Amino acid sequence: MPSVYDEIGGATALRALVGRFYDLVETDPRGAVMLGQHLRGHGIAHVREEQFAFLSGFLGGPRLFAERHGHMNLRELHDHLPIRPQEAEDWLALMDQAIADNGLAGGAIERARPALRRAALMLVNREADAGTELEAAQASDR
């Protein structure tokens, strides 16, 4: 069976998907927490490339991220960020929107969705009512 990476169109399709996803992160209110975290980190351009490299290997294509960084441990990569269930759901919703906006559908996408969901929910490390960095920053600005 071909990989999800190959079935969706390889590097070109994946780069378009990641590009659309981060366009949404930058413009959709559901991306506000992620955007704030990335802007305080290495920036959006950096994370676009890292996400592409990670998803390439995650979806069965070249393991670019692992080749660069020696691992693909999502929990380790995100452990420094407070992630509530809502942020995981927002990530999934924006990824679903990016998938739809890029016209990706079919068996490969249906096989990928449960894996993406498991990965997103695995990163949750805060309770739903714990607040976010964005909310704390907004409160301190008042």
C-alpha atoms as a PDB file:
ATOM      1  CA  MET A   1       0.000   0.000   0.000  1.00  0.00           C
ATOM      2  CA  PRO A   2       1.412   3.429  -0.904  1.00  0.00           C
ATOM      3  CA  SER A   3       2.094   5.855   1.933  1.00  0.00           C
ATOM      4  CA  VAL A   4      -0.245   8.721   2.765  1.00  0.00           C
ATOM      5  CA  TYR A   5       2.596  11.023   1.704  1.00  0.00           C
ATOM      6  CA  ASP A   6       2.692   9.484  -1.775  1.00  0.00           C
ATOM      7  CA  GLU A   7      -1.083   9.211  -2.143  1.00  0.00           C
ATOM      8  CA  ILE A   8      -1.692  12.891  -1.424  1.00  0.00           C
ATOM      9  CA  GLY A   9       0.926  13.982  -3.957  1.00  0.00           C
ATOM     10  CA  GLY A  10       4.269  13.926  -2.159  1.00  0.00           C
ATOM     11  CA  ALA A  11       6.322  16.969  -1.223  1.00  0.00           C
ATOM     12  CA  THR A  12       4.418  19.420  -3.422  1.00  0.00           C
ATOM     13  CA  ALA A  13       1.027  18.574  -1.929  1.00  0.00           C
ATOM     14  CA  LEU A  14       2.384  18.397   1.609  1.00  0.00           C
ATOM     15  CA  ARG A  15       4.109  21.775   1.309  1.00  0.00           C
ATOM     16  CA  ALA A  16       0.822  23.284   0.050  1.00  0.00           C
ATOM     17  CA  LEU A  17      -1.053  21.687   2.967  1.00  0.00           C
ATOM     18  CA  VAL A  18       1.400  23.000   5.562  1.00  0.00           C
ATOM     19  CA  GLY A  19       1.368  26.416   3.897  1.00  0.00           C
ATOM     20  CA  ARG A  20      -2.418  26.624   4.041  1.00  0.00           C
ATOM     21  CA  PHE A  21      -2.464  25.349   7.616  1.00  0.00           C
ATOM     22  CA  TYR A  22      -0.132  28.115   8.784  1.00  0.00           C
ATOM     23  CA  ASP A  23      -2.003  30.705   6.728  1.00  0.00           C
ATOM     24  CA  LEU A  24      -5.023  29.687   8.809  1.00  0.00           C
ATOM     25  CA  VAL A  25      -3.016  29.770  12.051  1.00  0.00           C
ATOM     26  CA  GLU A  26      -2.095  33.364  11.211  1.00  0.00           C
ATOM     27  CA  THR A  27      -5.638  34.484  10.329  1.00  0.00           C
ATOM     28  CA  ASP A  28      -8.215  32.274  12.064  1.00  0.00           C
ATOM     29  CA  PRO A  29      -9.046  33.049  15.715  1.00  0.00           C
ATOM     30  CA  ARG A  30      -8.638  29.343  16.523  1.00  0.00           C
ATOM     31  CA  GLY A  31      -4.955  29.733  15.689  1.00  0.00           C
ATOM     32  CA  ALA A  32      -4.309  32.630  18.083  1.00  0.00           C
ATOM     33  CA  VAL A  33      -2.685  30.573  20.848  1.00  0.00           C
ATOM     34  CA  MET A  34      -0.494  28.651  18.391  1.00  0.00           C
ATOM     35  CA  LEU A  35       0.467  31.850  16.619  1.00  0.00           C
ATOM     36  CA  GLY A  36       1.482  33.493  19.874  1.00  0.00           C
ATOM     37  CA  GLN A  37       3.585  30.495  20.850  1.00  0.00           C
ATOM     38  CA  HIS A  38       5.331  30.402  17.483  1.00  0.00           C
ATOM     39  CA  LEU A  39       5.979  34.136  17.443  1.00  0.00           C
ATOM     40  CA  ARG A  40       7.623  33.862  20.872  1.00  0.00           C
ATOM     41  CA  GLY A  41       9.667  30.927  19.564  1.00  0.00           C
ATOM     42  CA  HIS A  42      11.496  30.631  16.261  1.00  0.00           C
ATOM     43  CA  GLY A  43       8.786  32.293  14.162  1.00  0.00           C
ATOM     44  CA  ILE A  44       6.282  31.163  11.576  1.00  0.00           C
ATOM     45  CA  ALA A  45       8.715  30.689   8.674  1.00  0.00           C
ATOM     46  CA  HIS A  46      10.774  28.316  10.818  1.00  0.00           C
ATOM     47  CA  VAL A  47       7.779  26.333  12.032  1.00  0.00           C
ATOM     48  CA  ARG A  48       6.375  25.995   8.505  1.00  0.00           C
ATOM     49  CA  GLU A  49       9.579  24.250   7.435  1.00  0.00           C
ATOM     50  CA  GLU A  50       9.771  22.109  10.577  1.00  0.00           C
ATOM     51  CA  GLN A  51       6.117  21.059  10.256  1.00  0.00           C
ATOM     52  CA  PHE A  52       6.685  20.094   6.625  1.00  0.00           C
ATOM     53  CA  ALA A  53       9.758  18.054   7.594  1.00  0.00           C
ATOM     54  CA  PHE A  54       7.916  16.375  10.474  1.00  0.00           C
ATOM     55  CA  LEU A  55       4.766  15.542   8.522  1.00  0.00           C
ATOM     56  CA  SER A  56       6.838  14.204   5.652  1.00  0.00           C
ATOM     57  CA  GLY A  57       8.122  11.389   7.854  1.00  0.00           C
ATOM     58  CA  PHE A  58       4.923  11.080   9.883  1.00  0.00           C
ATOM     59  CA  LEU A  59       2.927  10.419   6.710  1.00  0.00           C
ATOM     60  CA  GLY A  60       5.378   7.876   5.328  1.00  0.00           C
ATOM     61  CA  GLY A  61       7.614  10.054   3.172  1.00  0.00           C
ATOM     62  CA  PRO A  62      11.231  11.057   3.686  1.00  0.00           C
ATOM     63  CA  ARG A  63      12.115  11.312   7.381  1.00  0.00           C
ATOM     64  CA  LEU A  64      13.477  14.830   7.025  1.00  0.00           C
ATOM     65  CA  PHE A  65      12.825  15.919  10.599  1.00  0.00           C
ATOM     66  CA  ALA A  66      14.462  12.827  12.108  1.00  0.00           C
ATOM     67  CA  GLU A  67      17.454  13.261   9.813  1.00  0.00           C
ATOM     68  CA  ARG A  68      17.888  16.860  11.011  1.00  0.00           C
ATOM     69  CA  HIS A  69      17.093  16.410  14.684  1.00  0.00           C
ATOM     70  CA  GLY A  70      17.727  12.742  15.433  1.00  0.00           C
ATOM     71  CA  HIS A  71      14.188  11.992  16.626  1.00  0.00           C
ATOM     72  CA  MET A  72      10.490  12.671  16.064  1.00  0.00           C
ATOM     73  CA  ASN A  73       9.335  12.718  19.694  1.00  0.00           C
ATOM     74  CA  LEU A  74       6.340  15.059  19.630  1.00  0.00           C
ATOM     75  CA  ARG A  75       5.905  15.172  23.398  1.00  0.00           C
ATOM     76  CA  GLU A  76       9.517  16.193  23.894  1.00  0.00           C
ATOM     77  CA  LEU A  77       9.226  18.825  21.175  1.00  0.00           C
ATOM     78  CA  HIS A  78       6.120  20.400  22.725  1.00  0.00           C
ATOM     79  CA  ASP A  79       6.632  19.769  26.441  1.00  0.00           C
ATOM     80  CA  HIS A  80       7.633  23.391  27.097  1.00  0.00           C
ATOM     81  CA  LEU A  81       4.297  24.655  25.747  1.00  0.00           C
ATOM     82  CA  PRO A  82       1.054  24.641  27.737  1.00  0.00           C
ATOM     83  CA  ILE A  83      -1.432  22.742  25.561  1.00  0.00           C
ATOM     84  CA  ARG A  84      -5.052  22.332  26.667  1.00  0.00           C
ATOM     85  CA  PRO A  85      -7.627  20.047  25.033  1.00  0.00           C
ATOM     86  CA  GLN A  86      -9.121  23.046  23.183  1.00  0.00           C
ATOM     87  CA  GLU A  87      -5.775  23.923  21.589  1.00  0.00           C
ATOM     88  CA  ALA A  88      -5.429  20.339  20.355  1.00  0.00           C
ATOM     89  CA  GLU A  89      -8.954  20.515  18.917  1.00  0.00           C
ATOM     90  CA  ASP A  90      -8.172  23.888  17.323  1.00  0.00           C
ATOM     91  CA  TRP A  91      -5.048  22.408  15.695  1.00  0.00           C
ATOM     92  CA  LEU A  92      -7.137  19.538  14.328  1.00  0.00           C
ATOM     93  CA  ALA A  93      -9.886  21.866  13.082  1.00  0.00           C
ATOM     94  CA  LEU A  94      -7.382  24.070  11.254  1.00  0.00           C
ATOM     95  CA  MET A  95      -5.657  21.026   9.768  1.00  0.00           C
ATOM     96  CA  ASP A  96      -9.044  19.689   8.612  1.00  0.00           C
ATOM     97  CA  GLN A  97      -9.766  23.078   7.027  1.00  0.00           C
ATOM     98  CA  ALA A  98      -6.372  23.097   5.297  1.00  0.00           C
ATOM     99  CA  ILE A  99      -6.998  19.557   4.023  1.00  0.00           C
ATOM    100  CA  ALA A 100     -10.376  20.613   2.611  1.00  0.00           C
ATOM    101  CA  ASP A 101      -9.009  23.857   1.166  1.00  0.00           C
ATOM    102  CA  ASN A 102      -6.340  21.868  -0.676  1.00  0.00           C
ATOM    103  CA  GLY A 103      -8.916  19.449  -2.084  1.00  0.00           C
ATOM    104  CA  LEU A 104      -7.379  16.454  -0.339  1.00  0.00           C
ATOM    105  CA  ALA A 105      -9.781  13.574   0.213  1.00  0.00           C
ATOM    106  CA  GLY A 106     -10.043   9.840  -0.048  1.00  0.00           C
ATOM    107  CA  GLY A 107      -8.538   6.834   1.637  1.00  0.00           C
ATOM    108  CA  ALA A 108      -5.161   8.373   2.401  1.00  0.00           C
ATOM    109  CA  ILE A 109      -6.712  11.279   4.278  1.00  0.00           C
ATOM    110  CA  GLU A 110      -9.108   8.983   6.123  1.00  0.00           C
ATOM    111  CA  ARG A 111      -6.126   6.855   7.208  1.00  0.00           C
ATOM    112  CA  ALA A 112      -4.194   9.941   8.309  1.00  0.00           C
ATOM    113  CA  ARG A 113      -6.951  11.588  10.370  1.00  0.00           C
ATOM    114  CA  PRO A 114      -6.910   9.144  13.315  1.00  0.00           C
ATOM    115  CA  ALA A 115      -3.105   9.344  13.517  1.00  0.00           C
ATOM    116  CA  LEU A 116      -3.208  13.156  13.456  1.00  0.00           C
ATOM    117  CA  ARG A 117      -5.892  13.137  16.149  1.00  0.00           C
ATOM    118  CA  ARG A 118      -3.907  10.776  18.389  1.00  0.00           C
ATOM    119  CA  ALA A 119      -0.795  12.915  17.942  1.00  0.00           C
ATOM    120  CA  ALA A 120      -2.614  16.169  18.750  1.00  0.00           C
ATOM    121  CA  LEU A 121      -4.360  14.795  21.827  1.00  0.00           C
ATOM    122  CA  MET A 122      -1.146  13.189  23.084  1.00  0.00           C
ATOM    123  CA  LEU A 123       0.324  16.689  23.435  1.00  0.00           C
ATOM    124  CA  VAL A 124      -2.310  17.905  25.899  1.00  0.00           C
ATOM    125  CA  ASN A 125      -0.489  18.717  29.130  1.00  0.00           C
ATOM    126  CA  ARG A 126      -2.838  21.178  30.859  1.00  0.00           C
ATOM    127  CA  GLU A 127      -6.391  20.934  32.150  1.00  0.00           C
ATOM    128  CA  ALA A 128      -9.143  22.607  30.154  1.00  0.00           C
ATOM    129  CA  ASP A 129      -9.601  25.349  32.757  1.00  0.00           C
ATOM    130  CA  ALA A 130      -5.898  26.117  33.271  1.00  0.00           C
ATOM    131  CA  GLY A 131      -5.911  29.199  31.017  1.00  0.00           C
ATOM    132  CA  THR A 132      -3.491  29.952  28.217  1.00  0.00           C
ATOM    133  CA  GLU A 133      -0.422  32.061  27.744  1.00  0.00           C
ATOM    134  CA  LEU A 134      -2.432  34.279  25.400  1.00  0.00           C
ATOM    135  CA  GLU A 135      -5.146  34.833  28.008  1.00  0.00           C
ATOM    136  CA  ALA A 136      -2.540  35.631  30.672  1.00  0.00           C
ATOM    137  CA  ALA A 137      -0.778  38.083  28.362  1.00  0.00           C
ATOM    138  CA  GLN A 138      -4.054  39.756  27.439  1.00  0.00           C
ATOM    139  CA  ALA A 139      -5.017  40.079  31.110  1.00  0.00           C
ATOM    140  CA  SER A 140      -1.673  41.660  31.989  1.00  0.00           C
ATOM    141  CA  ASP A 141      -2.103  44.202  29.172  1.00  0.00           C
ATOM    142  CA  ARG A 142      -5.326  45.532  30.716  1.00  0.00           C
END
